[in-house]
C-alpha atoms as a PDB file:
ATOM      1  CA  UNK A   1      21.275  27.005 -14.668  1.00  0.00           C
ATOM      2  CA  UNK A   2      19.835  26.505 -11.256  1.00  0.00           C
ATOM      3  CA  UNK A   3      16.721  27.719  -9.399  1.00  0.00           C
ATOM      4  CA  UNK A   4      18.723  30.200  -7.263  1.00  0.00           C
ATOM      5  CA  UNK A   5      20.138  31.829 -10.458  1.00  0.00           C
ATOM      6  CA  UNK A   6      16.676  31.939 -11.995  1.00  0.00           C
ATOM      7  CA  UNK A   7      15.230  33.489  -8.938  1.00  0.00           C
ATOM      8  CA  UNK A   8      17.886  36.107  -8.850  1.00  0.00           C
ATOM      9  CA  UNK A   9      17.537  37.097 -12.592  1.00  0.00           C
ATOM     10  CA  UNK A  10      13.768  37.362 -12.251  1.00  0.00           C
ATOM     11  CA  UNK A  11      14.078  39.577  -9.145  1.00  0.00           C
ATOM     12  CA  UNK A  12      16.399  41.965 -11.035  1.00  0.00           C
ATOM     13  CA  UNK A  13      14.260  41.814 -14.174  1.00  0.00           C
ATOM     14  CA  UNK A  14      11.066  42.754 -12.335  1.00  0.00           C
ATOM     15  CA  UNK A  15      12.436  45.542 -10.166  1.00  0.00           C
ATOM     16  CA  UNK A  16      15.228  46.648 -12.568  1.00  0.00           C
ATOM     17  CA  UNK A  17      17.440  47.311  -9.597  1.00  0.00           C
ATOM     18  CA  UNK A  18      20.128  45.223  -8.054  1.00  0.00           C
ATOM     19  CA  UNK A  19      19.676  46.994  -4.650  1.00  0.00           C
ATOM     20  CA  UNK A  20      15.869  46.169  -4.599  1.00  0.00           C
ATOM     21  CA  UNK A  21      16.386  42.651  -5.786  1.00  0.00           C
ATOM     22  CA  UNK A  22      19.065  41.957  -3.234  1.00  0.00           C
ATOM     23  CA  UNK A  23      16.745  43.240  -0.414  1.00  0.00           C
ATOM     24  CA  UNK A  24      13.925  41.190  -1.753  1.00  0.00           C
ATOM     25  CA  UNK A  25      16.063  37.976  -1.787  1.00  0.00           C
ATOM     26  CA  UNK A  26      17.882  38.818   1.438  1.00  0.00           C
ATOM     27  CA  UNK A  27      21.243  38.596  -0.368  1.00  0.00           C
ATOM     28  CA  UNK A  28      24.239  41.002  -0.621  1.00  0.00           C
ATOM     29  CA  UNK A  29      24.596  42.924  -3.988  1.00  0.00           C
ATOM     30  CA  UNK A  30      27.805  41.199  -4.789  1.00  0.00           C
ATOM     31  CA  UNK A  31      26.264  37.776  -4.295  1.00  0.00           C
ATOM     32  CA  UNK A  32      23.288  38.668  -6.466  1.00  0.00           C
ATOM     33  CA  UNK A  33      25.435  40.039  -9.171  1.00  0.00           C
ATOM     34  CA  UNK A  34      27.561  36.793  -9.161  1.00  0.00           C
ATOM     35  CA  UNK A  35      24.377  34.690  -9.340  1.00  0.00           C
ATOM     36  CA  UNK A  36      23.180  36.665 -12.479  1.00  0.00           C
ATOM     37  CA  UNK A  37      26.611  36.511 -14.007  1.00  0.00           C
ATOM     38  CA  UNK A  38      26.861  32.799 -13.535  1.00  0.00           C
ATOM     39  CA  UNK A  39      23.432  32.360 -15.171  1.00  0.00           C
ATOM     40  CA  UNK A  40      24.552  34.397 -18.128  1.00  0.00           C
ATOM     41  CA  UNK A  41      27.746  32.410 -18.425  1.00  0.00           C
ATOM     42  CA  UNK A  42      25.930  29.063 -18.349  1.00  0.00           C
ATOM     43  CA  UNK A  43      23.497  30.199 -20.989  1.00  0.00           C
ATOM     44  CA  UNK A  44      26.113  31.748 -23.204  1.00  0.00           C
ATOM     45  CA  UNK A  45      25.215  35.452 -23.446  1.00  0.00           C
ATOM     46  CA  UNK A  46      24.069  38.655 -21.770  1.00  0.00           C
ATOM     47  CA  UNK A  47      20.672  38.828 -20.210  1.00  0.00           C
ATOM     48  CA  UNK A  48      20.972  42.402 -18.775  1.00  0.00           C
ATOM     49  CA  UNK A  49      22.650  45.567 -20.064  1.00  0.00           C
ATOM     50  CA  UNK A  50      24.153  47.568 -17.104  1.00  0.00           C
ATOM     51  CA  UNK A  51      25.065  51.348 -17.127  1.00  0.00           C
ATOM     52  CA  UNK A  52      25.803  53.567 -14.165  1.00  0.00           C
ATOM     53  CA  UNK A  53      22.239  54.911 -14.356  1.00  0.00           C
ATOM     54  CA  UNK A  54      19.963  52.007 -15.470  1.00  0.00           C
ATOM     55  CA  UNK A  55      19.582  48.368 -16.143  1.00  0.00           C
ATOM     56  CA  UNK A  56      17.733  47.111 -19.226  1.00  0.00           C
ATOM     57  CA  UNK A  57      16.979  43.659 -20.529  1.00  0.00           C
ATOM     58  CA  UNK A  58      18.550  42.382 -23.655  1.00  0.00           C
ATOM     59  CA  UNK A  59      16.208  40.619 -26.210  1.00  0.00           C
ATOM     60  CA  UNK A  60      17.401  37.340 -24.821  1.00  0.00           C
ATOM     61  CA  UNK A  61      16.735  38.515 -21.249  1.00  0.00           C
ATOM     62  CA  UNK A  62      13.084  39.580 -22.319  1.00  0.00           C
ATOM     63  CA  UNK A  63      12.509  36.123 -23.765  1.00  0.00           C
ATOM     64  CA  UNK A  64      13.786  34.394 -20.541  1.00  0.00           C
ATOM     65  CA  UNK A  65      11.391  36.315 -18.226  1.00  0.00           C
ATOM     66  CA  UNK A  66       8.255  34.475 -19.061  1.00  0.00           C
ATOM     67  CA  UNK A  67      10.134  31.135 -19.142  1.00  0.00           C
ATOM     68  CA  UNK A  68      11.926  32.061 -15.765  1.00  0.00           C
ATOM     69  CA  UNK A  69       8.291  32.682 -14.258  1.00  0.00           C
ATOM     70  CA  UNK A  70       6.924  29.420 -15.341  1.00  0.00           C
ATOM     71  CA  UNK A  71       9.974  27.661 -14.178  1.00  0.00           C
ATOM     72  CA  UNK A  72       9.763  29.300 -10.797  1.00  0.00           C
ATOM     73  CA  UNK A  73       6.075  28.576 -10.463  1.00  0.00           C
ATOM     74  CA  UNK A  74       6.592  24.885 -11.314  1.00  0.00           C
ATOM     75  CA  UNK A  75       9.464  24.673  -8.863  1.00  0.00           C
ATOM     76  CA  UNK A  76       7.407  26.218  -6.052  1.00  0.00           C
ATOM     77  CA  UNK A  77       4.519  23.921  -6.903  1.00  0.00           C
ATOM     78  CA  UNK A  78       6.754  20.861  -6.820  1.00  0.00           C
ATOM     79  CA  UNK A  79       8.266  21.972  -3.566  1.00  0.00           C
ATOM     80  CA  UNK A  80       4.913  22.575  -1.971  1.00  0.00           C
ATOM     81  CA  UNK A  81       3.600  19.202  -3.209  1.00  0.00           C
ATOM     82  CA  UNK A  82       6.687  17.394  -1.686  1.00  0.00           C
ATOM     83  CA  UNK A  83       6.251  19.087   1.534  1.00  0.00           C
ATOM     84  CA  UNK A  84       2.572  18.075   1.720  1.00  0.00           C
ATOM     85  CA  UNK A  85       3.485  14.501   0.924  1.00  0.00           C
ATOM     86  CA  UNK A  86       6.126  14.335   3.684  1.00  0.00           C
ATOM     87  CA  UNK A  87       3.552  15.959   6.101  1.00  0.00           C
ATOM     88  CA  UNK A  88       0.990  13.304   5.054  1.00  0.00           C
ATOM     89  CA  UNK A  89      -1.363  16.033   3.656  1.00  0.00           C
ATOM     90  CA  UNK A  90      -1.233  14.477   0.112  1.00  0.00           C
ATOM     91  CA  UNK A  91      -0.501  11.196  -1.541  1.00  0.00           C
ATOM     92  CA  UNK A  92      -1.822   7.814  -2.490  1.00  0.00           C
ATOM     93  CA  UNK A  93      -0.957   4.212  -1.516  1.00  0.00           C
ATOM     94  CA  UNK A  94      -1.908   0.816  -2.930  1.00  0.00           C
ATOM     95  CA  UNK A  95      -2.635  -2.248  -0.824  1.00  0.00           C
ATOM     96  CA  UNK A  96      -3.053  -5.843  -1.941  1.00  0.00           C
ATOM     97  CA  UNK A  97      -5.038  -8.065   0.355  1.00  0.00           C
ATOM     98  CA  UNK A  98      -6.405 -11.521   0.274  1.00  0.00           C
ATOM     99  CA  UNK A  99     -10.203 -11.153  -0.196  1.00  0.00           C
ATOM    100  CA  UNK A 100     -11.236 -12.756   3.210  1.00  0.00           C
ATOM    101  CA  UNK A 101      -9.178 -10.138   5.022  1.00  0.00           C
ATOM    102  CA  UNK A 102     -10.261  -7.244   2.708  1.00  0.00           C
ATOM    103  CA  UNK A 103     -13.884  -8.040   3.217  1.00  0.00           C
ATOM    104  CA  UNK A 104     -13.754  -8.452   7.027  1.00  0.00           C
ATOM    105  CA  UNK A 105     -10.918  -6.790   9.010  1.00  0.00           C
ATOM    106  CA  UNK A 106      -9.205  -4.362   6.648  1.00  0.00           C
ATOM    107  CA  UNK A 107     -12.038  -1.704   6.552  1.00  0.00           C
ATOM    108  CA  UNK A 108     -11.433  -0.937  10.302  1.00  0.00           C
ATOM    109  CA  UNK A 109      -7.792  -0.176   9.660  1.00  0.00           C
ATOM    110  CA  UNK A 110      -8.629   1.982   6.510  1.00  0.00           C
ATOM    111  CA  UNK A 111     -11.095   3.947   8.613  1.00  0.00           C
ATOM    112  CA  UNK A 112      -8.427   4.502  11.375  1.00  0.00           C
ATOM    113  CA  UNK A 113      -5.955   5.672   8.813  1.00  0.00           C
ATOM    114  CA  UNK A 114      -8.423   7.941   7.090  1.00  0.00           C
ATOM    115  CA  UNK A 115      -9.270   9.687  10.337  1.00  0.00           C
ATOM    116  CA  UNK A 116      -5.618  10.543  10.877  1.00  0.00           C
ATOM    117  CA  UNK A 117      -4.787  11.263   7.199  1.00  0.00           C
ATOM    118  CA  UNK A 118      -7.866  12.269   5.327  1.00  0.00           C
ATOM    119  CA  UNK A 119      -6.065  13.590   2.343  1.00  0.00           C
ATOM    120  CA  UNK A 120      -4.265  10.331   1.428  1.00  0.00           C
ATOM    121  CA  UNK A 121      -6.006   8.147  -1.129  1.00  0.00           C
ATOM    122  CA  UNK A 122      -5.969   4.452  -0.489  1.00  0.00           C
ATOM    123  CA  UNK A 123      -6.472   1.841  -3.283  1.00  0.00           C
ATOM    124  CA  UNK A 124      -7.252  -1.734  -2.364  1.00  0.00           C
ATOM    125  CA  UNK A 125      -6.590  -4.808  -4.547  1.00  0.00           C
ATOM    126  CA  UNK A 126      -8.247  -7.969  -3.272  1.00  0.00           C
ATOM    127  CA  UNK A 127      -6.411 -10.794  -4.830  1.00  0.00           C
ATOM    128  CA  UNK A 128      -5.394 -14.391  -3.839  1.00  0.00           C
ATOM    129  CA  UNK A 129      -2.644 -14.485  -1.222  1.00  0.00           C
ATOM    130  CA  UNK A 130      -0.054 -15.810  -3.643  1.00  0.00           C
ATOM    131  CA  UNK A 131      -0.642 -12.895  -5.881  1.00  0.00           C
ATOM    132  CA  UNK A 132      -0.266 -10.539  -2.948  1.00  0.00           C
ATOM    133  CA  UNK A 133       3.392 -11.432  -2.656  1.00  0.00           C
ATOM    134  CA  UNK A 134       4.005 -11.164  -6.401  1.00  0.00           C
ATOM    135  CA  UNK A 135       2.452  -7.543  -6.445  1.00  0.00           C
ATOM    136  CA  UNK A 136       4.630  -6.401  -3.613  1.00  0.00           C
ATOM    137  CA  UNK A 137       7.732  -7.990  -5.139  1.00  0.00           C
ATOM    138  CA  UNK A 138       6.980  -6.360  -8.528  1.00  0.00           C
ATOM    139  CA  UNK A 139       6.373  -2.998  -6.895  1.00  0.00           C
ATOM    140  CA  UNK A 140       2.721  -2.867  -8.068  1.00  0.00           C
ATOM    141  CA  UNK A 141       1.713  -2.172  -4.413  1.00  0.00           C
ATOM    142  CA  UNK A 142       3.665  -0.977  -1.419  1.00  0.00           C
ATOM    143  CA  UNK A 143       1.801  -3.109   1.126  1.00  0.00           C
ATOM    144  CA  UNK A 144       0.330  -6.715   0.990  1.00  0.00           C
ATOM    145  CA  UNK A 145      -1.752  -8.431   3.661  1.00  0.00           C
ATOM    146  CA  UNK A 146      -1.624 -12.228   3.505  1.00  0.00           C
ATOM    147  CA  UNK A 147      -0.600 -15.260   5.392  1.00  0.00           C
ATOM    148  CA  UNK A 148       3.063 -15.498   6.123  1.00  0.00           C
ATOM    149  CA  UNK A 149       4.767 -16.842   3.002  1.00  0.00           C
ATOM    150  CA  UNK A 150       7.149 -19.836   3.186  1.00  0.00           C
ATOM    151  CA  UNK A 151       9.910 -17.724   1.549  1.00  0.00           C
ATOM    152  CA  UNK A 152      10.275 -13.914   1.841  1.00  0.00           C
ATOM    153  CA  UNK A 153      13.654 -13.558  -0.039  1.00  0.00           C
ATOM    154  CA  UNK A 154      14.135  -9.793   0.020  1.00  0.00           C
ATOM    155  CA  UNK A 155      10.877  -8.788   1.518  1.00  0.00           C
ATOM    156  CA  UNK A 156       9.857  -7.943   5.083  1.00  0.00           C
ATOM    157  CA  UNK A 157       6.858  -9.498   7.022  1.00  0.00           C
ATOM    158  CA  UNK A 158       5.229  -7.727   9.903  1.00  0.00           C
ATOM    159  CA  UNK A 159       2.816 -10.115  11.816  1.00  0.00           C
ATOM    160  CA  UNK A 160      -0.669  -8.931  12.801  1.00  0.00           C
ATOM    161  CA  UNK A 161      -2.190 -11.875  14.417  1.00  0.00           C
ATOM    162  CA  UNK A 162      -2.427 -15.648  14.226  1.00  0.00           C
ATOM    163  CA  UNK A 163      -5.386 -17.132  12.364  1.00  0.00           C
ATOM    164  CA  UNK A 164      -6.801 -20.604  13.458  1.00  0.00           C
ATOM    165  CA  UNK A 165      -8.609 -22.423  10.708  1.00  0.00           C
ATOM    166  CA  UNK A 166     -12.205 -23.408  11.401  1.00  0.00           C
ATOM    167  CA  UNK A 167     -14.774 -25.950  10.098  1.00  0.00           C
ATOM    168  CA  UNK A 168     -17.852 -24.680   8.457  1.00  0.00           C
ATOM    169  CA  UNK A 169     -20.960 -26.958   8.296  1.00  0.00           C
ATOM    170  CA  UNK A 170     -24.459 -26.771   6.936  1.00  0.00           C
ATOM    171  CA  UNK A 171     -27.197 -25.936   9.407  1.00  0.00           C
ATOM    172  CA  UNK A 172     -28.496 -29.138  11.004  1.00  0.00           C
ATOM    173  CA  UNK A 173     -25.344 -31.198  10.060  1.00  0.00           C
ATOM    174  CA  UNK A 174     -24.671 -34.137  12.415  1.00  0.00           C
ATOM    175  CA  UNK A 175     -21.310 -32.666  13.387  1.00  0.00           C
ATOM    176  CA  UNK A 176     -23.043 -29.444  14.652  1.00  0.00           C
ATOM    177  CA  UNK A 177     -23.604 -31.240  17.984  1.00  0.00           C
ATOM    178  CA  UNK A 178     -19.843 -31.406  18.679  1.00  0.00           C
ATOM    179  CA  UNK A 179     -17.879 -28.599  20.301  1.00  0.00           C
ATOM    180  CA  UNK A 180     -14.747 -29.499  18.267  1.00  0.00           C
ATOM    181  CA  UNK A 181     -14.636 -31.282  14.962  1.00  0.00           C
ATOM    182  CA  UNK A 182     -11.728 -33.782  14.337  1.00  0.00           C
ATOM    183  CA  UNK A 183     -10.412 -33.865  10.852  1.00  0.00           C
ATOM    184  CA  UNK A 184     -11.127 -37.496  10.391  1.00  0.00           C
ATOM    185  CA  UNK A 185     -14.773 -37.092  11.334  1.00  0.00           C
ATOM    186  CA  UNK A 186     -15.117 -34.098   8.991  1.00  0.00           C
ATOM    187  CA  UNK A 187     -13.631 -35.907   6.015  1.00  0.00           C
ATOM    188  CA  UNK A 188     -16.388 -38.594   6.304  1.00  0.00           C
ATOM    189  CA  UNK A 189     -18.435 -35.993   4.358  1.00  0.00           C
ATOM    190  CA  UNK A 190     -18.095 -34.236   1.015  1.00  0.00           C
ATOM    191  CA  UNK A 191     -15.154 -31.783   1.304  1.00  0.00           C
ATOM    192  CA  UNK A 192     -15.147 -28.469  -0.380  1.00  0.00           C
ATOM    193  CA  UNK A 193     -11.997 -26.310  -0.758  1.00  0.00           C
ATOM    194  CA  UNK A 194     -10.251 -23.728  -2.909  1.00  0.00           C
ATOM    195  CA  UNK A 195      -8.574 -24.704  -6.210  1.00  0.00           C
ATOM    196  CA  UNK A 196      -4.891 -25.050  -6.504  1.00  0.00           C
ATOM    197  CA  UNK A 197      -2.519 -23.067  -6.272  1.00  0.00           C
ATOM    198  CA  UNK A 198      -4.450 -21.478  -3.313  1.00  0.00           C
ATOM    199  CA  UNK A 199      -2.231 -21.086  -0.235  1.00  0.00           C
ATOM    200  CA  UNK A 200      -5.180 -22.058   1.870  1.00  0.00           C
ATOM    201  CA  UNK A 201      -5.465 -25.387  -0.153  1.00  0.00           C
ATOM    202  CA  UNK A 202      -1.712 -25.802   0.127  1.00  0.00           C
ATOM    203  CA  UNK A 203      -1.789 -25.402   3.949  1.00  0.00           C
ATOM    204  CA  UNK A 204      -4.606 -27.907   4.362  1.00  0.00           C
ATOM    205  CA  UNK A 205      -2.850 -30.468   2.226  1.00  0.00           C
ATOM    206  CA  UNK A 206       0.539 -30.111   3.918  1.00  0.00           C
ATOM    207  CA  UNK A 207      -0.999 -30.249   7.447  1.00  0.00           C
ATOM    208  CA  UNK A 208      -3.038 -33.498   6.683  1.00  0.00           C
ATOM    209  CA  UNK A 209      -0.143 -34.998   4.870  1.00  0.00           C
ATOM    210  CA  UNK A 210       2.055 -34.517   8.004  1.00  0.00           C
ATOM    211  CA  UNK A 211      -0.740 -36.102  10.062  1.00  0.00           C
ATOM    212  CA  UNK A 212      -0.883 -39.003   7.783  1.00  0.00           C
ATOM    213  CA  UNK A 213      -4.600 -38.078   6.802  1.00  0.00           C
ATOM    214  CA  UNK A 214      -5.716 -38.583   3.183  1.00  0.00           C
ATOM    215  CA  UNK A 215      -7.671 -35.633   1.605  1.00  0.00           C
ATOM    216  CA  UNK A 216     -10.428 -36.415  -0.678  1.00  0.00           C
ATOM    217  CA  UNK A 217     -11.976 -33.307  -2.374  1.00  0.00           C
ATOM    218  CA  UNK A 218     -15.425 -33.444  -3.645  1.00  0.00           C
ATOM    219  CA  UNK A 219     -15.649 -29.831  -4.974  1.00  0.00           C
ATOM    220  CA  UNK A 220     -13.333 -26.955  -5.258  1.00  0.00           C
ATOM    221  CA  UNK A 221     -13.888 -23.193  -6.097  1.00  0.00           C
ATOM    222  CA  UNK A 222     -11.890 -20.189  -6.770  1.00  0.00           C
ATOM    223  CA  UNK A 223     -13.104 -17.949  -3.922  1.00  0.00           C
ATOM    224  CA  UNK A 224     -13.661 -18.604  -0.244  1.00  0.00           C
ATOM    225  CA  UNK A 225     -17.084 -16.810  -0.507  1.00  0.00           C
ATOM    226  CA  UNK A 226     -18.064 -19.487  -3.054  1.00  0.00           C
ATOM    227  CA  UNK A 227     -16.855 -22.277  -0.640  1.00  0.00           C
ATOM    228  CA  UNK A 228     -19.032 -20.883   2.080  1.00  0.00           C
ATOM    229  CA  UNK A 229     -22.218 -20.571  -0.187  1.00  0.00           C
ATOM    230  CA  UNK A 230     -21.644 -24.161  -1.249  1.00  0.00           C
ATOM    231  CA  UNK A 231     -21.487 -25.320   2.313  1.00  0.00           C
ATOM    232  CA  UNK A 232     -24.510 -23.244   3.411  1.00  0.00           C
ATOM    233  CA  UNK A 233     -26.484 -24.901   0.475  1.00  0.00           C
ATOM    234  CA  UNK A 234     -25.671 -28.265   1.949  1.00  0.00           C
ATOM    235  CA  UNK A 235     -23.297 -29.486  -0.705  1.00  0.00           C
ATOM    236  CA  UNK A 236     -20.674 -30.499   1.900  1.00  0.00           C
ATOM    237  CA  UNK A 237     -18.248 -29.234   4.592  1.00  0.00           C
ATOM    238  CA  UNK A 238     -15.211 -27.103   4.513  1.00  0.00           C
ATOM    239  CA  UNK A 239     -12.242 -25.706   6.488  1.00  0.00           C
ATOM    240  CA  UNK A 240     -11.370 -22.048   6.067  1.00  0.00           C
ATOM    241  CA  UNK A 241      -9.358 -19.250   7.826  1.00  0.00           C
ATOM    242  CA  UNK A 242     -11.245 -17.904  10.895  1.00  0.00           C
ATOM    243  CA  UNK A 243     -11.219 -14.497   9.250  1.00  0.00           C
ATOM    244  CA  UNK A 244     -14.078 -15.937   7.180  1.00  0.00           C
ATOM    245  CA  UNK A 245     -16.173 -16.607  10.379  1.00  0.00           C
ATOM    246  CA  UNK A 246     -18.504 -13.622  10.010  1.00  0.00           C
ATOM    247  CA  UNK A 247     -19.064 -14.134   6.335  1.00  0.00           C
ATOM    248  CA  UNK A 248     -19.847 -17.885   6.724  1.00  0.00           C
ATOM    249  CA  UNK A 249     -22.360 -17.075   9.502  1.00  0.00           C
ATOM    250  CA  UNK A 250     -24.059 -14.499   7.322  1.00  0.00           C
ATOM    251  CA  UNK A 251     -24.301 -17.164   4.611  1.00  0.00           C
ATOM    252  CA  UNK A 252     -26.061 -19.505   7.051  1.00  0.00           C
ATOM    253  CA  UNK A 253     -23.250 -21.867   7.931  1.00  0.00           C
ATOM    254  CA  UNK A 254     -22.250 -23.326  11.352  1.00  0.00           C
ATOM    255  CA  UNK A 255     -18.857 -22.716  12.763  1.00  0.00           C
ATOM    256  CA  UNK A 256     -16.777 -25.235  14.828  1.00  0.00           C
ATOM    257  CA  UNK A 257     -13.146 -25.340  15.742  1.00  0.00           C
ATOM    258  CA  UNK A 258     -11.217 -28.009  13.745  1.00  0.00           C
ATOM    259  CA  UNK A 259      -8.685 -30.249  15.617  1.00  0.00           C
ATOM    260  CA  UNK A 260      -6.490 -33.240  15.300  1.00  0.00           C
ATOM    261  CA  UNK A 261      -4.716 -31.502  13.803  1.00  0.00           C
ATOM    262  CA  UNK A 262      -5.106 -27.679  14.140  1.00  0.00           C
ATOM    263  CA  UNK A 263      -4.009 -25.305  11.408  1.00  0.00           C
ATOM    264  CA  UNK A 264      -2.492 -22.037  12.604  1.00  0.00           C
ATOM    265  CA  UNK A 265      -0.973 -19.420  10.353  1.00  0.00           C
ATOM    266  CA  UNK A 266       0.241 -15.976  11.024  1.00  0.00           C
ATOM    267  CA  UNK A 267      -1.427 -13.108   9.007  1.00  0.00           C
ATOM    268  CA  UNK A 268       0.569 -10.036   8.442  1.00  0.00           C
ATOM    269  CA  UNK A 269       1.847  -7.196   6.235  1.00  0.00           C
ATOM    270  CA  UNK A 270       4.395  -8.010   3.457  1.00  0.00           C
ATOM    271  CA  UNK A 271       6.355  -5.167   1.970  1.00  0.00           C
ATOM    272  CA  UNK A 272       9.765  -3.991   1.021  1.00  0.00           C
ATOM    273  CA  UNK A 273      12.090  -2.963   3.821  1.00  0.00           C
ATOM    274  CA  UNK A 274      10.617  -0.030   5.662  1.00  0.00           C
ATOM    275  CA  UNK A 275      13.346   2.326   4.479  1.00  0.00           C
ATOM    276  CA  UNK A 276      12.081   1.914   0.934  1.00  0.00           C
ATOM    277  CA  UNK A 277       8.369   2.655   1.767  1.00  0.00           C
ATOM    278  CA  UNK A 278       6.792   6.090   1.213  1.00  0.00           C
ATOM    279  CA  UNK A 279       5.992   8.153   4.154  1.00  0.00           C
ATOM    280  CA  UNK A 280       2.304   7.411   3.540  1.00  0.00           C
ATOM    281  CA  UNK A 281       2.727   3.632   3.310  1.00  0.00           C
ATOM    282  CA  UNK A 282       5.008   3.590   6.396  1.00  0.00           C
ATOM    283  CA  UNK A 283       2.183   5.334   8.262  1.00  0.00           C
ATOM    284  CA  UNK A 284      -0.281   2.798   7.061  1.00  0.00           C
ATOM    285  CA  UNK A 285       2.022   0.059   8.206  1.00  0.00           C
ATOM    286  CA  UNK A 286       2.019   1.496  11.680  1.00  0.00           C
ATOM    287  CA  UNK A 287      -1.851   1.910  11.636  1.00  0.00           C
ATOM    288  CA  UNK A 288      -2.264  -1.778  10.589  1.00  0.00           C
ATOM    289  CA  UNK A 289      -0.033  -3.021  13.351  1.00  0.00           C
ATOM    290  CA  UNK A 290      -1.754  -0.853  16.018  1.00  0.00           C
ATOM    291  CA  UNK A 291      -5.275  -1.714  14.755  1.00  0.00           C
ATOM    292  CA  UNK A 292      -4.758  -5.482  15.106  1.00  0.00           C
ATOM    293  CA  UNK A 293      -2.265  -5.573  18.060  1.00  0.00           C
END
C-alpha cells in the first residue's frame, strides 16, 4: 500500500465515481482503476463493488475510509513540515560553545541568524571547549564553537578568527605601567588559571614549556569568569583568551598584551562534514563565518 493508492481509493469512495475521481486526481480512468485494484490486491480483498450502474463500498472499504483520511492527513502534514524545514521556515538547531565565546561574541551571530530565519529555534550549550568537541562527535549538537582542537579525526573545522591571549591584572598593579607584559615578569606574581583538563590551561602550559619557562600556579578555578573575578579582587594575575576582554574590564581588571612568548589560537566552528548537516545548521554555519569574517 502506498500513498498514491490510498489517495485514489479515497477519491473514488468520496465521489462514488471513477470518472469524477479521475478528473479530481488528474488521472486517466484506466490508471485510477489500476491503482485501486493494486491496493485491493496488496490488502487481500475487495474494497469496492462495481456494477454497470453504481459503485458501493464493501464493509472493508467502509472501514478503510476513516483510516485512509487519517493517513492522508498525516502524510500531507509530514510533507508540509519537511517543505518548511527545507525552506528554513521551521526547525531547531543546537550549538555547543565555550562559555567565554557564548557570553561575548555568539549573541551577535544568533541575532543575525534570527533576523533571517525567525522560525528556527536555537539552543545554546555553554560548556568547556573540550566538551564541545565531544558533544559534536557524539551528535549531541550539530555545531560547536571552540579553539581549534589538536586532532579533528572525522570532524571539520571552519576558522572564524585568531585569538591572542592577554594578561589581566588588578587595578593599580605595578605591571599596569607596561604596554606589554613579558611572561617572566608576570610570573613573579601569584598566577591564577583554569583547572585541568582545560584547553586554555593546556595551551598555557605547552607554550611556556616550549619557551623553557616554569609555570607556578597559585590558584586555579573551573570557569574563566571566576578567574577574572579573583584577579579583580587582587588575588593575583592571569592570562586568558582575548574574547574574555570585555568581561574582565567589566569586572574591574586591567588588560595588557602578554609577550615573550605570545599565545595565538584559532577559534572556529567544529562540526560533522557539511553534507551531514541539517539545512538549518548549514545556514547557521554560513552566518557564523560571515559574522566574524
